All heavy atoms as atom14 arrays in JSON, in Angstrom:
{
  "sequence": "FVGATLRSVEDTTASVTLESGPEEGSRRSVGLPPEVAGLDLEPG",
  "atom14_mask": [
    [1, 1, 1, 1, 1, 1, 1, 1, 1, 1, 1, 0, 0, 0],
    [1, 1, 1, 1, 1, 1, 1, 0, 0, 0, 0, 0, 0, 0],
    [1, 1, 1, 1, 0, 0, 0, 0, 0, 0, 0, 0, 0, 0],
    [1, 1, 1, 1, 1, 0, 0, 0, 0, 0, 0, 0, 0, 0],
    [1, 1, 1, 1, 1, 1, 1, 0, 0, 0, 0, 0, 0, 0],
    [1, 1, 1, 1, 1, 1, 1, 1, 0, 0, 0, 0, 0, 0],
    [1, 1, 1, 1, 1, 1, 1, 1, 1, 1, 1, 0, 0, 0],
    [1, 1, 1, 1, 1, 1, 0, 0, 0, 0, 0, 0, 0, 0],
    [1, 1, 1, 1, 1, 1, 1, 0, 0, 0, 0, 0, 0, 0],
    [1, 1, 1, 1, 1, 1, 1, 1, 1, 0, 0, 0, 0, 0],
    [1, 1, 1, 1, 1, 1, 1, 1, 0, 0, 0, 0, 0, 0],
    [1, 1, 1, 1, 1, 1, 1, 0, 0, 0, 0, 0, 0, 0],
    [1, 1, 1, 1, 1, 1, 1, 0, 0, 0, 0, 0, 0, 0],
    [1, 1, 1, 1, 1, 0, 0, 0, 0, 0, 0, 0, 0, 0],
    [1, 1, 1, 1, 1, 1, 0, 0, 0, 0, 0, 0, 0, 0],
    [1, 1, 1, 1, 1, 1, 1, 0, 0, 0, 0, 0, 0, 0],
    [1, 1, 1, 1, 1, 1, 1, 0, 0, 0, 0, 0, 0, 0],
    [1, 1, 1, 1, 1, 1, 1, 1, 0, 0, 0, 0, 0, 0],
    [1, 1, 1, 1, 1, 1, 1, 1, 1, 0, 0, 0, 0, 0],
    [1, 1, 1, 1, 1, 1, 0, 0, 0, 0, 0, 0, 0, 0],
    [1, 1, 1, 1, 0, 0, 0, 0, 0, 0, 0, 0, 0, 0],
    [1, 1, 1, 1, 1, 1, 1, 0, 0, 0, 0, 0, 0, 0],
    [1, 1, 1, 1, 1, 1, 1, 1, 1, 0, 0, 0, 0, 0],
    [1, 1, 1, 1, 1, 1, 1, 1, 1, 0, 0, 0, 0, 0],
    [1, 1, 1, 1, 0, 0, 0, 0, 0, 0, 0, 0, 0, 0],
    [1, 1, 1, 1, 1, 1, 0, 0, 0, 0, 0, 0, 0, 0],
    [1, 1, 1, 1, 1, 1, 1, 1, 1, 1, 1, 0, 0, 0],
    [1, 1, 1, 1, 1, 1, 1, 1, 1, 1, 1, 0, 0, 0],
    [1, 1, 1, 1, 1, 1, 0, 0, 0, 0, 0, 0, 0, 0],
    [1, 1, 1, 1, 1, 1, 1, 0, 0, 0, 0, 0, 0, 0],
    [1, 1, 1, 1, 0, 0, 0, 0, 0, 0, 0, 0, 0, 0],
    [1, 1, 1, 1, 1, 1, 1, 1, 0, 0, 0, 0, 0, 0],
    [1, 1, 1, 1, 1, 1, 1, 0, 0, 0, 0, 0, 0, 0],
    [1, 1, 1, 1, 1, 1, 1, 0, 0, 0, 0, 0, 0, 0],
    [1, 1, 1, 1, 1, 1, 1, 1, 1, 0, 0, 0, 0, 0],
    [1, 1, 1, 1, 1, 1, 1, 0, 0, 0, 0, 0, 0, 0],
    [1, 1, 1, 1, 1, 0, 0, 0, 0, 0, 0, 0, 0, 0],
    [1, 1, 1, 1, 0, 0, 0, 0, 0, 0, 0, 0, 0, 0],
    [1, 1, 1, 1, 1, 1, 1, 1, 0, 0, 0, 0, 0, 0],
    [1, 1, 1, 1, 1, 1, 1, 1, 0, 0, 0, 0, 0, 0],
    [1, 1, 1, 1, 1, 1, 1, 1, 0, 0, 0, 0, 0, 0],
    [1, 1, 1, 1, 1, 1, 1, 1, 1, 0, 0, 0, 0, 0],
    [1, 1, 1, 1, 1, 1, 1, 0, 0, 0, 0, 0, 0, 0],
    [1, 1, 1, 1, 0, 0, 0, 0, 0, 0, 0, 0, 0, 0]
  ],
  "atom14_positions": [
    [[-8.05, 1.11, -12.13], [-7.32, 0.32, -11.15], [-5.8, 0.36, -11.47], [-5.34, 0.37, -12.64], [-7.82, -1.19, -11.27], [-9.14, -1.35, -10.89], [-10.24, -1.74, -11.85], [-9.55, -1.34, -9.55], [-11.48, -1.84, -11.45], [-10.79, -1.59, -9.11], [-11.84, -1.78, -10.02], [0.0, 0.0, 0.0], [0.0, 0.0, 0.0], [0.0, 0.0, 0.0]],
    [[-5.03, 0.44, -10.39], [-3.52, 0.42, -10.54], [-2.98, -0.6, -9.53], [-3.57, -0.94, -8.52], [-2.97, 1.83, -10.21], [-3.53, 2.8, -11.25], [-3.28, 2.21, -8.83], [0.0, 0.0, 0.0], [0.0, 0.0, 0.0], [0.0, 0.0, 0.0], [0.0, 0.0, 0.0], [0.0, 0.0, 0.0], [0.0, 0.0, 0.0], [0.0, 0.0, 0.0]],
    [[-1.85, -1.05, -9.9], [-1.1, -1.93, -9.03], [-0.19, -1.25, -8.12], [0.4, -0.13, -8.43], [0.0, 0.0, 0.0], [0.0, 0.0, 0.0], [0.0, 0.0, 0.0], [0.0, 0.0, 0.0], [0.0, 0.0, 0.0], [0.0, 0.0, 0.0], [0.0, 0.0, 0.0], [0.0, 0.0, 0.0], [0.0, 0.0, 0.0], [0.0, 0.0, 0.0]],
    [[0.16, -1.74, -6.95], [1.04, -1.06, -5.94], [1.79, -2.12, -5.13], [1.28, -3.18, -4.95], [0.23, -0.1, -5.15], [0.0, 0.0, 0.0], [0.0, 0.0, 0.0], [0.0, 0.0, 0.0], [0.0, 0.0, 0.0], [0.0, 0.0, 0.0], [0.0, 0.0, 0.0], [0.0, 0.0, 0.0], [0.0, 0.0, 0.0], [0.0, 0.0, 0.0]],
    [[3.04, -1.7, -4.79], [3.81, -2.65, -3.81], [3.88, -2.11, -2.58], [4.16, -0.86, -2.24], [5.22, -2.78, -4.46], [5.17, -3.37, -5.72], [6.23, -3.73, -3.55], [0.0, 0.0, 0.0], [0.0, 0.0, 0.0], [0.0, 0.0, 0.0], [0.0, 0.0, 0.0], [0.0, 0.0, 0.0], [0.0, 0.0, 0.0], [0.0, 0.0, 0.0]],
    [[3.56, -2.84, -1.53], [3.54, -2.47, -0.16], [5.0, -2.16, 0.39], [5.92, -3.06, 0.16], [2.87, -3.45, 0.68], [2.67, -3.17, 2.23], [1.76, -2.03, 2.3], [2.25, -4.45, 3.0], [0.0, 0.0, 0.0], [0.0, 0.0, 0.0], [0.0, 0.0, 0.0], [0.0, 0.0, 0.0], [0.0, 0.0, 0.0], [0.0, 0.0, 0.0]],
    [[5.15, -1.01, 0.98], [6.44, -0.67, 1.55], [6.37, -0.97, 3.08], [7.29, -1.44, 3.71], [6.71, 0.73, 1.39], [6.91, 1.04, -0.26], [7.33, 2.46, -0.35], [8.47, 2.86, 0.43], [9.71, 2.76, 0.0], [9.97, 2.26, -1.31], [10.67, 3.08, 0.69], [0.0, 0.0, 0.0], [0.0, 0.0, 0.0], [0.0, 0.0, 0.0]],
    [[5.37, -0.48, 3.74], [5.24, -0.55, 5.27], [3.73, -0.5, 5.62], [2.89, 0.09, 4.86], [6.11, 0.29, 6.01], [5.83, 1.7, 5.75], [0.0, 0.0, 0.0], [0.0, 0.0, 0.0], [0.0, 0.0, 0.0], [0.0, 0.0, 0.0], [0.0, 0.0, 0.0], [0.0, 0.0, 0.0], [0.0, 0.0, 0.0], [0.0, 0.0, 0.0]],
    [[3.41, -0.98, 6.82], [2.01, -0.82, 7.37], [2.16, -0.32, 8.83], [3.01, -0.85, 9.58], [1.36, -2.05, 7.41], [-0.11, -1.9, 7.97], [1.16, -2.65, 5.96], [0.0, 0.0, 0.0], [0.0, 0.0, 0.0], [0.0, 0.0, 0.0], [0.0, 0.0, 0.0], [0.0, 0.0, 0.0], [0.0, 0.0, 0.0], [0.0, 0.0, 0.0]],
    [[1.52, 0.75, 9.1], [1.45, 1.31, 10.47], [-0.04, 1.52, 10.76], [-0.78, 2.33, 10.22], [2.2, 2.57, 10.51], [2.22, 3.17, 12.02], [3.07, 4.27, 12.11], [3.76, 4.64, 11.18], [3.17, 5.03, 13.24], [0.0, 0.0, 0.0], [0.0, 0.0, 0.0], [0.0, 0.0, 0.0], [0.0, 0.0, 0.0], [0.0, 0.0, 0.0]],
    [[-0.48, 0.84, 11.8], [-2.04, 0.81, 12.07], [-2.88, 0.49, 10.96], [-2.67, -0.68, 10.34], [-2.37, 2.1, 12.72], [-1.76, 2.35, 14.04], [-1.34, 1.39, 14.69], [-1.44, 3.64, 14.43], [0.0, 0.0, 0.0], [0.0, 0.0, 0.0], [0.0, 0.0, 0.0], [0.0, 0.0, 0.0], [0.0, 0.0, 0.0], [0.0, 0.0, 0.0]],
    [[-3.66, 1.36, 10.5], [-4.45, 1.11, 9.26], [-4.15, 1.9, 8.06], [-4.8, 2.14, 7.15], [-5.99, 1.31, 9.59], [-6.03, 2.75, 9.94], [-6.44, 0.4, 10.65], [0.0, 0.0, 0.0], [0.0, 0.0, 0.0], [0.0, 0.0, 0.0], [0.0, 0.0, 0.0], [0.0, 0.0, 0.0], [0.0, 0.0, 0.0], [0.0, 0.0, 0.0]],
    [[-2.78, 2.3, 8.05], [-2.29, 3.16, 6.89], [-1.05, 2.29, 6.29], [-0.14, 1.95, 7.05], [-1.76, 4.57, 7.48], [-2.8, 5.22, 8.01], [-1.24, 5.27, 6.22], [0.0, 0.0, 0.0], [0.0, 0.0, 0.0], [0.0, 0.0, 0.0], [0.0, 0.0, 0.0], [0.0, 0.0, 0.0], [0.0, 0.0, 0.0], [0.0, 0.0, 0.0]],
    [[-1.16, 2.25, 4.99], [-0.07, 1.54, 4.2], [0.63, 2.47, 3.35], [0.12, 3.39, 2.79], [-0.7, 0.45, 3.29], [0.0, 0.0, 0.0], [0.0, 0.0, 0.0], [0.0, 0.0, 0.0], [0.0, 0.0, 0.0], [0.0, 0.0, 0.0], [0.0, 0.0, 0.0], [0.0, 0.0, 0.0], [0.0, 0.0, 0.0], [0.0, 0.0, 0.0]],
    [[2.0, 2.4, 3.37], [2.91, 3.11, 2.46], [3.17, 2.32, 1.27], [3.73, 1.07, 1.41], [4.15, 3.55, 3.18], [5.03, 4.13, 2.22], [0.0, 0.0, 0.0], [0.0, 0.0, 0.0], [0.0, 0.0, 0.0], [0.0, 0.0, 0.0], [0.0, 0.0, 0.0], [0.0, 0.0, 0.0], [0.0, 0.0, 0.0], [0.0, 0.0, 0.0]],
    [[2.87, 2.82, 0.01], [2.92, 1.97, -1.2], [3.75, 2.64, -2.32], [3.77, 3.92, -2.22], [1.63, 1.43, -1.67], [0.78, 0.71, -0.71], [0.85, 2.64, -2.21], [0.0, 0.0, 0.0], [0.0, 0.0, 0.0], [0.0, 0.0, 0.0], [0.0, 0.0, 0.0], [0.0, 0.0, 0.0], [0.0, 0.0, 0.0], [0.0, 0.0, 0.0]],
    [[4.24, 1.88, -3.19], [4.89, 2.4, -4.41], [4.04, 2.03, -5.62], [3.67, 0.82, -5.75], [6.28, 1.89, -4.69], [7.11, 2.25, -3.53], [6.85, 2.44, -5.9], [0.0, 0.0, 0.0], [0.0, 0.0, 0.0], [0.0, 0.0, 0.0], [0.0, 0.0, 0.0], [0.0, 0.0, 0.0], [0.0, 0.0, 0.0], [0.0, 0.0, 0.0]],
    [[3.5, 2.96, -6.32], [2.68, 2.71, -7.46], [3.43, 1.97, -8.5], [4.44, 2.47, -9.07], [2.01, 4.03, -7.92], [1.07, 4.82, -6.95], [0.57, 6.09, -7.66], [0.07, 3.92, -6.44], [0.0, 0.0, 0.0], [0.0, 0.0, 0.0], [0.0, 0.0, 0.0], [0.0, 0.0, 0.0], [0.0, 0.0, 0.0], [0.0, 0.0, 0.0]],
    [[2.91, 0.84, -9.04], [3.57, 0.11, -10.07], [2.91, 0.28, -11.5], [3.43, -0.1, -12.51], [3.51, -1.34, -9.71], [4.23, -1.72, -8.47], [5.69, -1.31, -8.43], [6.34, -1.2, -9.53], [6.29, -1.19, -7.32], [0.0, 0.0, 0.0], [0.0, 0.0, 0.0], [0.0, 0.0, 0.0], [0.0, 0.0, 0.0], [0.0, 0.0, 0.0]],
    [[1.85, 1.04, -11.58], [1.26, 1.4, -12.85], [0.29, 2.5, -12.72], [0.27, 3.1, -11.7], [0.36, 0.09, -13.26], [-0.77, -0.19, -12.3], [0.0, 0.0, 0.0], [0.0, 0.0, 0.0], [0.0, 0.0, 0.0], [0.0, 0.0, 0.0], [0.0, 0.0, 0.0], [0.0, 0.0, 0.0], [0.0, 0.0, 0.0], [0.0, 0.0, 0.0]],
    [[-0.34, 2.92, -13.82], [-1.03, 4.18, -13.79], [-0.34, 5.32, -14.13], [0.93, 5.37, -14.46], [0.0, 0.0, 0.0], [0.0, 0.0, 0.0], [0.0, 0.0, 0.0], [0.0, 0.0, 0.0], [0.0, 0.0, 0.0], [0.0, 0.0, 0.0], [0.0, 0.0, 0.0], [0.0, 0.0, 0.0], [0.0, 0.0, 0.0], [0.0, 0.0, 0.0]],
    [[-0.96, 6.55, -14.18], [-0.37, 7.84, -14.62], [0.83, 8.2, -13.58], [1.61, 9.04, -14.04], [-1.59, 8.83, -14.69], [-2.52, 8.17, -13.85], [-2.32, 6.73, -13.81], [0.0, 0.0, 0.0], [0.0, 0.0, 0.0], [0.0, 0.0, 0.0], [0.0, 0.0, 0.0], [0.0, 0.0, 0.0], [0.0, 0.0, 0.0], [0.0, 0.0, 0.0]],
    [[0.78, 7.87, -12.42], [1.73, 8.26, -11.47], [2.61, 7.11, -11.06], [3.16, 7.03, -9.91], [1.08, 8.91, -10.23], [0.24, 10.13, -10.49], [-0.27, 10.72, -9.32], [-0.85, 10.04, -8.4], [-0.45, 12.0, -9.16], [0.0, 0.0, 0.0], [0.0, 0.0, 0.0], [0.0, 0.0, 0.0], [0.0, 0.0, 0.0], [0.0, 0.0, 0.0]],
    [[2.99, 6.2, -12.0], [3.75, 5.01, -11.8], [5.12, 5.38, -11.09], [5.8, 6.42, -11.63], [4.02, 4.2, -12.99], [4.83, 3.04, -12.83], [5.02, 2.27, -14.2], [4.33, 2.75, -15.19], [5.77, 1.33, -14.29], [0.0, 0.0, 0.0], [0.0, 0.0, 0.0], [0.0, 0.0, 0.0], [0.0, 0.0, 0.0], [0.0, 0.0, 0.0]],
    [[5.56, 4.77, -10.02], [6.89, 5.05, -9.47], [6.78, 5.93, -8.19], [7.72, 5.94, -7.46], [0.0, 0.0, 0.0], [0.0, 0.0, 0.0], [0.0, 0.0, 0.0], [0.0, 0.0, 0.0], [0.0, 0.0, 0.0], [0.0, 0.0, 0.0], [0.0, 0.0, 0.0], [0.0, 0.0, 0.0], [0.0, 0.0, 0.0], [0.0, 0.0, 0.0]],
    [[5.77, 6.55, -8.08], [5.64, 7.49, -6.91], [5.04, 6.74, -5.69], [4.58, 5.65, -5.77], [4.54, 8.72, -7.3], [3.31, 8.18, -7.61], [0.0, 0.0, 0.0], [0.0, 0.0, 0.0], [0.0, 0.0, 0.0], [0.0, 0.0, 0.0], [0.0, 0.0, 0.0], [0.0, 0.0, 0.0], [0.0, 0.0, 0.0], [0.0, 0.0, 0.0]],
    [[5.26, 7.37, -4.56], [4.89, 6.76, -3.25], [3.71, 7.48, -2.75], [3.56, 8.7, -2.95], [5.98, 6.91, -2.2], [7.38, 6.16, -2.66], [8.39, 6.25, -1.56], [9.64, 5.57, -1.96], [10.69, 5.66, -1.23], [10.76, 6.26, -0.03], [11.83, 5.03, -1.72], [0.0, 0.0, 0.0], [0.0, 0.0, 0.0], [0.0, 0.0, 0.0]],
    [[2.73, 6.7, -2.19], [1.51, 7.14, -1.65], [1.25, 6.46, -0.33], [1.72, 5.36, -0.06], [0.35, 7.04, -2.63], [0.4, 7.84, -3.9], [0.2, 9.35, -3.58], [0.25, 10.11, -4.72], [1.36, 10.71, -5.23], [2.47, 10.54, -4.71], [1.27, 11.38, -6.41], [0.0, 0.0, 0.0], [0.0, 0.0, 0.0], [0.0, 0.0, 0.0]],
    [[0.3, 7.06, 0.47], [-0.17, 6.46, 1.69], [-1.61, 6.1, 1.49], [-2.41, 7.04, 0.88], [-0.05, 7.47, 2.86], [1.25, 7.64, 3.24], [0.0, 0.0, 0.0], [0.0, 0.0, 0.0], [0.0, 0.0, 0.0], [0.0, 0.0, 0.0], [0.0, 0.0, 0.0], [0.0, 0.0, 0.0], [0.0, 0.0, 0.0], [0.0, 0.0, 0.0]],
    [[-2.11, 4.87, 1.85], [-3.39, 4.49, 1.52], [-4.04, 3.86, 2.79], [-3.32, 3.17, 3.57], [-3.44, 3.45, 0.39], [-4.88, 2.85, 0.1], [-2.76, 4.01, -0.9], [0.0, 0.0, 0.0], [0.0, 0.0, 0.0], [0.0, 0.0, 0.0], [0.0, 0.0, 0.0], [0.0, 0.0, 0.0], [0.0, 0.0, 0.0], [0.0, 0.0, 0.0]],
    [[-5.23, 4.22, 3.11], [-5.87, 3.62, 4.3], [-6.33, 2.26, 3.94], [-6.62, 1.89, 2.81], [0.0, 0.0, 0.0], [0.0, 0.0, 0.0], [0.0, 0.0, 0.0], [0.0, 0.0, 0.0], [0.0, 0.0, 0.0], [0.0, 0.0, 0.0], [0.0, 0.0, 0.0], [0.0, 0.0, 0.0], [0.0, 0.0, 0.0], [0.0, 0.0, 0.0]],
    [[-6.22, 1.34, 5.03], [-6.65, -0.05, 4.9], [-7.75, -0.33, 5.83], [-7.77, 0.17, 6.96], [-5.43, -0.97, 5.28], [-4.14, -0.98, 4.35], [-3.03, -1.8, 4.99], [-4.44, -1.27, 3.0], [0.0, 0.0, 0.0], [0.0, 0.0, 0.0], [0.0, 0.0, 0.0], [0.0, 0.0, 0.0], [0.0, 0.0, 0.0], [0.0, 0.0, 0.0]],
    [[-8.69, -1.13, 5.36], [-9.76, -1.62, 6.26], [-9.04, -2.35, 7.42], [-8.04, -3.1, 7.35], [-10.56, -2.63, 5.41], [-10.28, -2.21, 3.94], [-8.79, -1.81, 3.99], [0.0, 0.0, 0.0], [0.0, 0.0, 0.0], [0.0, 0.0, 0.0], [0.0, 0.0, 0.0], [0.0, 0.0, 0.0], [0.0, 0.0, 0.0], [0.0, 0.0, 0.0]],
    [[-9.71, -2.26, 8.75], [-9.04, -2.84, 9.82], [-8.83, -4.34, 9.71], [-7.83, -4.87, 10.15], [-10.11, -2.63, 10.9], [-10.91, -1.35, 10.5], [-10.85, -1.51, 8.99], [0.0, 0.0, 0.0], [0.0, 0.0, 0.0], [0.0, 0.0, 0.0], [0.0, 0.0, 0.0], [0.0, 0.0, 0.0], [0.0, 0.0, 0.0], [0.0, 0.0, 0.0]],
    [[-9.76, -5.2, 8.9], [-9.52, -6.55, 8.87], [-8.45, -6.85, 7.98], [-7.66, -7.86, 8.01], [-10.78, -7.3, 8.27], [-11.34, -6.87, 6.89], [-12.01, -5.61, 6.97], [-12.15, -4.88, 7.96], [-12.89, -5.36, 5.89], [0.0, 0.0, 0.0], [0.0, 0.0, 0.0], [0.0, 0.0, 0.0], [0.0, 0.0, 0.0], [0.0, 0.0, 0.0]],
    [[-8.0, -5.97, 7.0], [-6.9, -6.14, 6.06], [-5.63, -5.85, 6.78], [-4.67, -6.5, 6.74], [-7.06, -5.31, 4.82], [-5.85, -5.4, 3.99], [-8.34, -5.74, 3.97], [0.0, 0.0, 0.0], [0.0, 0.0, 0.0], [0.0, 0.0, 0.0], [0.0, 0.0, 0.0], [0.0, 0.0, 0.0], [0.0, 0.0, 0.0], [0.0, 0.0, 0.0]],
    [[-5.67, -4.62, 7.59], [-4.47, -4.31, 8.33], [-4.13, -5.24, 9.35], [-2.89, -5.4, 9.74], [-4.8, -2.92, 9.01], [0.0, 0.0, 0.0], [0.0, 0.0, 0.0], [0.0, 0.0, 0.0], [0.0, 0.0, 0.0], [0.0, 0.0, 0.0], [0.0, 0.0, 0.0], [0.0, 0.0, 0.0], [0.0, 0.0, 0.0], [0.0, 0.0, 0.0]],
    [[-5.0, -6.07, 9.82], [-4.63, -7.18, 10.8], [-4.01, -8.37, 10.22], [-3.65, -9.13, 10.95], [0.0, 0.0, 0.0], [0.0, 0.0, 0.0], [0.0, 0.0, 0.0], [0.0, 0.0, 0.0], [0.0, 0.0, 0.0], [0.0, 0.0, 0.0], [0.0, 0.0, 0.0], [0.0, 0.0, 0.0], [0.0, 0.0, 0.0], [0.0, 0.0, 0.0]],
    [[-4.06, -8.5, 8.92], [-3.3, -9.55, 8.23], [-1.87, -9.47, 8.32], [-1.33, -8.39, 8.65], [-3.72, -9.59, 6.79], [-5.28, -9.96, 6.53], [-5.47, -9.93, 5.03], [-5.65, -11.37, 7.17], [0.0, 0.0, 0.0], [0.0, 0.0, 0.0], [0.0, 0.0, 0.0], [0.0, 0.0, 0.0], [0.0, 0.0, 0.0], [0.0, 0.0, 0.0]],
    [[-1.12, -10.59, 8.12], [0.26, -10.46, 8.12], [0.85, -9.91, 6.86], [1.6, -10.66, 6.2], [0.83, -11.9, 8.45], [0.51, -12.42, 9.83], [0.39, -11.64, 10.75], [0.26, -13.57, 10.04], [0.0, 0.0, 0.0], [0.0, 0.0, 0.0], [0.0, 0.0, 0.0], [0.0, 0.0, 0.0], [0.0, 0.0, 0.0], [0.0, 0.0, 0.0]],
    [[0.52, -8.69, 6.53], [1.09, -8.14, 5.24], [2.53, -7.79, 5.59], [2.92, -7.36, 6.54], [0.28, -6.83, 5.08], [-1.18, -7.01, 4.6], [-1.9, -5.63, 4.44], [-1.29, -7.9, 3.27], [0.0, 0.0, 0.0], [0.0, 0.0, 0.0], [0.0, 0.0, 0.0], [0.0, 0.0, 0.0], [0.0, 0.0, 0.0], [0.0, 0.0, 0.0]],
    [[3.25, -8.01, 4.39], [4.71, -7.88, 4.47], [5.11, -6.97, 3.44], [4.56, -6.81, 2.33], [5.46, -9.07, 4.37], [5.18, -9.99, 5.51], [5.79, -11.37, 5.4], [6.46, -11.52, 4.34], [5.76, -12.23, 6.31], [0.0, 0.0, 0.0], [0.0, 0.0, 0.0], [0.0, 0.0, 0.0], [0.0, 0.0, 0.0], [0.0, 0.0, 0.0]],
    [[6.22, -6.04, 3.52], [6.84, -5.31, 2.52], [7.14, -6.22, 1.28], [7.58, -7.4, 1.37], [8.16, -4.77, 3.14], [7.92, -4.77, 4.52], [7.06, -5.99, 4.76], [0.0, 0.0, 0.0], [0.0, 0.0, 0.0], [0.0, 0.0, 0.0], [0.0, 0.0, 0.0], [0.0, 0.0, 0.0], [0.0, 0.0, 0.0], [0.0, 0.0, 0.0]],
    [[6.67, -5.72, 0.13], [6.82, -6.5, -1.07], [5.5, -7.1, -1.59], [5.41, -7.54, -2.74], [0.0, 0.0, 0.0], [0.0, 0.0, 0.0], [0.0, 0.0, 0.0], [0.0, 0.0, 0.0], [0.0, 0.0, 0.0], [0.0, 0.0, 0.0], [0.0, 0.0, 0.0], [0.0, 0.0, 0.0], [0.0, 0.0, 0.0], [0.0, 0.0, 0.0]]
  ]
}
């Protein structure tokens, strides 16, 4: 398990910055379940 900070959400895809793990500091795109993507997620 690793922590990540949300940068942005588009449809069901989130852009995040990894905060832990072997690739800490890198940016990745992660798929979100539709019910999660529909929440009021905000950068940070």
